[in-house]
Amino acid sequence: MKRITGDQREAYARYGVVFPLPVLTSAETELHLRSFEEWRSAAGGRLSPMAMRHPHLFQRWAYDLATLPAVLDAVEDILGPDILVHSTTMFCKFPGDGSWVSWHQDGFYLGLSASGFTSA
């Protein structure tokens, strides 16, 4: 299924991002938020940044999000059908806690090159 328009593909080529891209229904959003909150509660209410690395490997709901067909369809429209979920990381910015995450490109930190992620 094609999810990405020509304009979105051009924006990705120029800026490296496509948004907004609605992929979850309200009910799905609530389900995944509830799953995250249960995980957070089981961890004592706060998850360290290290604990939120690669949640798709040990939290089924995170795996389901990482492999959501609507997301993978959009990725396929840009990169082609050979897709691998390399890693997942969650950044939680709770109201009033003052934390922030600066603009970044994960490929730099992971030692990945852009040419390895584009389809011919």
Protein backbone atom coordinates (compact mmCIF):
# COMPACT_ATOMS: atom_id res chain seq x y z
CA MET A 1 0.00 0.00 0.00
CA LYS A 2 1.40 3.38 -0.96
CA ARG A 3 1.31 5.78 2.00
CA ILE A 4 3.84 8.41 0.96
CA THR A 5 2.94 11.08 -1.59
CA GLY A 6 5.39 12.56 -4.07
CA ASP A 7 5.59 15.74 -1.97
CA GLN A 8 6.36 13.72 1.17
CA ARG A 9 9.04 11.75 -0.66
CA GLU A 10 10.60 15.02 -1.82
CA ALA A 11 10.45 16.38 1.75
CA TYR A 12 12.19 13.24 3.00
CA ALA A 13 14.92 13.63 0.37
CA ARG A 14 15.42 17.27 1.40
CA TYR A 15 14.94 17.14 5.19
CA GLY A 16 15.26 13.46 6.15
CA VAL A 17 11.86 13.33 7.83
CA VAL A 18 8.19 12.89 6.92
CA PHE A 19 5.50 14.21 9.25
CA PRO A 20 2.78 14.11 10.23
CA LEU A 21 2.12 10.50 9.34
CA PRO A 22 -0.98 9.26 11.14
CA VAL A 23 -0.68 5.51 11.68
CA LEU A 24 -2.58 4.73 14.91
CA THR A 25 -6.26 4.98 15.67
CA SER A 26 -7.27 6.62 18.94
CA ALA A 27 -7.96 3.18 20.42
CA GLU A 28 -4.51 1.89 19.37
CA THR A 29 -2.88 4.99 20.83
CA GLU A 30 -4.66 4.43 24.15
CA LEU A 31 -3.69 0.74 24.17
CA HIS A 32 0.02 1.46 23.64
CA LEU A 33 0.02 4.32 26.13
CA ARG A 34 -1.61 2.05 28.72
CA SER A 35 1.02 -0.62 28.00
CA PHE A 36 3.82 1.92 28.44
CA GLU A 37 2.30 3.18 31.69
CA GLU A 38 2.07 -0.39 33.03
CA TRP A 39 5.75 -0.92 32.16
CA ARG A 40 6.69 2.37 33.82
CA SER A 41 4.64 1.55 36.92
CA ALA A 42 6.26 -1.90 37.21
CA ALA A 43 9.65 -0.13 37.13
CA GLY A 44 8.72 2.08 40.07
CA GLY A 45 7.30 5.00 38.12
CA ARG A 46 10.43 6.13 36.30
CA LEU A 47 12.45 4.45 33.57
CA SER A 48 16.09 5.39 33.10
CA PRO A 49 17.28 6.27 29.60
CA MET A 50 19.21 2.97 29.54
CA ALA A 51 16.05 1.03 30.41
CA MET A 52 14.29 2.59 27.42
CA ARG A 53 16.83 1.35 24.88
CA HIS A 54 15.61 -1.45 22.61
CA PRO A 55 12.20 -1.95 24.25
CA HIS A 56 11.03 -3.86 21.17
CA LEU A 57 13.24 -6.75 22.33
CA PHE A 58 11.42 -7.27 25.64
CA GLN A 59 8.07 -5.45 25.48
CA ARG A 60 5.55 -6.95 23.04
CA TRP A 61 3.66 -3.67 22.63
CA ALA A 62 6.92 -1.90 21.65
CA TYR A 63 7.67 -4.62 19.10
CA ASP A 64 4.15 -4.19 17.72
CA LEU A 65 4.76 -0.44 17.36
CA ALA A 66 8.13 -0.94 15.68
CA THR A 67 6.64 -3.37 13.17
CA LEU A 68 3.31 -1.63 12.62
CA PRO A 69 2.29 -2.34 9.01
CA ALA A 70 1.28 1.28 8.38
CA VAL A 71 4.75 2.46 9.46
CA LEU A 72 6.55 -0.25 7.50
CA ASP A 73 4.47 0.60 4.41
CA ALA A 74 5.62 4.21 4.64
CA VAL A 75 9.23 3.17 5.17
CA GLU A 76 8.99 0.83 2.20
CA ASP A 77 7.69 3.67 0.02
CA ILE A 78 10.92 5.56 0.73
CA LEU A 79 13.60 2.92 1.28
CA GLY A 80 12.26 -0.13 -0.53
CA PRO A 81 11.08 -3.52 0.74
CA ASP A 82 14.27 -4.73 2.43
CA ILE A 83 13.57 -3.36 5.94
CA LEU A 84 15.30 -4.15 9.23
CA VAL A 85 14.37 -2.69 12.62
CA HIS A 86 17.92 -1.91 13.72
CA SER A 87 17.09 -0.52 17.14
CA THR A 88 14.47 1.32 19.15
CA THR A 89 14.84 4.00 21.78
CA MET A 90 12.20 5.87 23.75
CA PHE A 91 12.65 9.42 24.98
CA CYS A 92 10.21 10.37 27.73
CA LYS A 93 9.70 14.02 28.43
CA PHE A 94 7.27 14.23 31.31
CA PRO A 95 5.39 17.47 32.00
CA GLY A 96 7.39 19.91 34.09
CA ASP A 97 10.57 17.82 34.39
CA GLY A 98 12.67 20.22 32.29
CA SER A 99 14.38 17.46 30.27
CA TRP A 100 15.11 17.83 26.59
CA VAL A 101 16.60 15.95 23.68
CA SER A 102 18.44 18.01 21.12
CA TRP A 103 17.88 17.59 17.39
CA HIS A 104 20.04 14.71 16.25
CA GLN A 105 20.50 12.06 13.60
CA ASP A 106 20.77 8.54 14.95
CA GLY A 107 22.87 7.32 12.04
CA PHE A 108 25.79 9.46 13.18
CA TYR A 109 25.76 8.01 16.70
CA LEU A 110 25.32 4.47 15.41
CA GLY A 111 28.06 4.77 12.79
CA LEU A 112 25.63 4.30 9.92
CA SER A 113 25.83 6.00 6.54
CA ALA A 114 22.90 7.43 4.61
CA SER A 115 23.91 5.56 1.45
CA GLY A 116 23.26 2.27 3.21
CA PHE A 117 19.63 3.22 3.82
CA THR A 118 18.39 4.30 0.42
CA SER A 119 16.95 2.13 -2.28
CA ALA A 120 18.35 2.23 -5.79
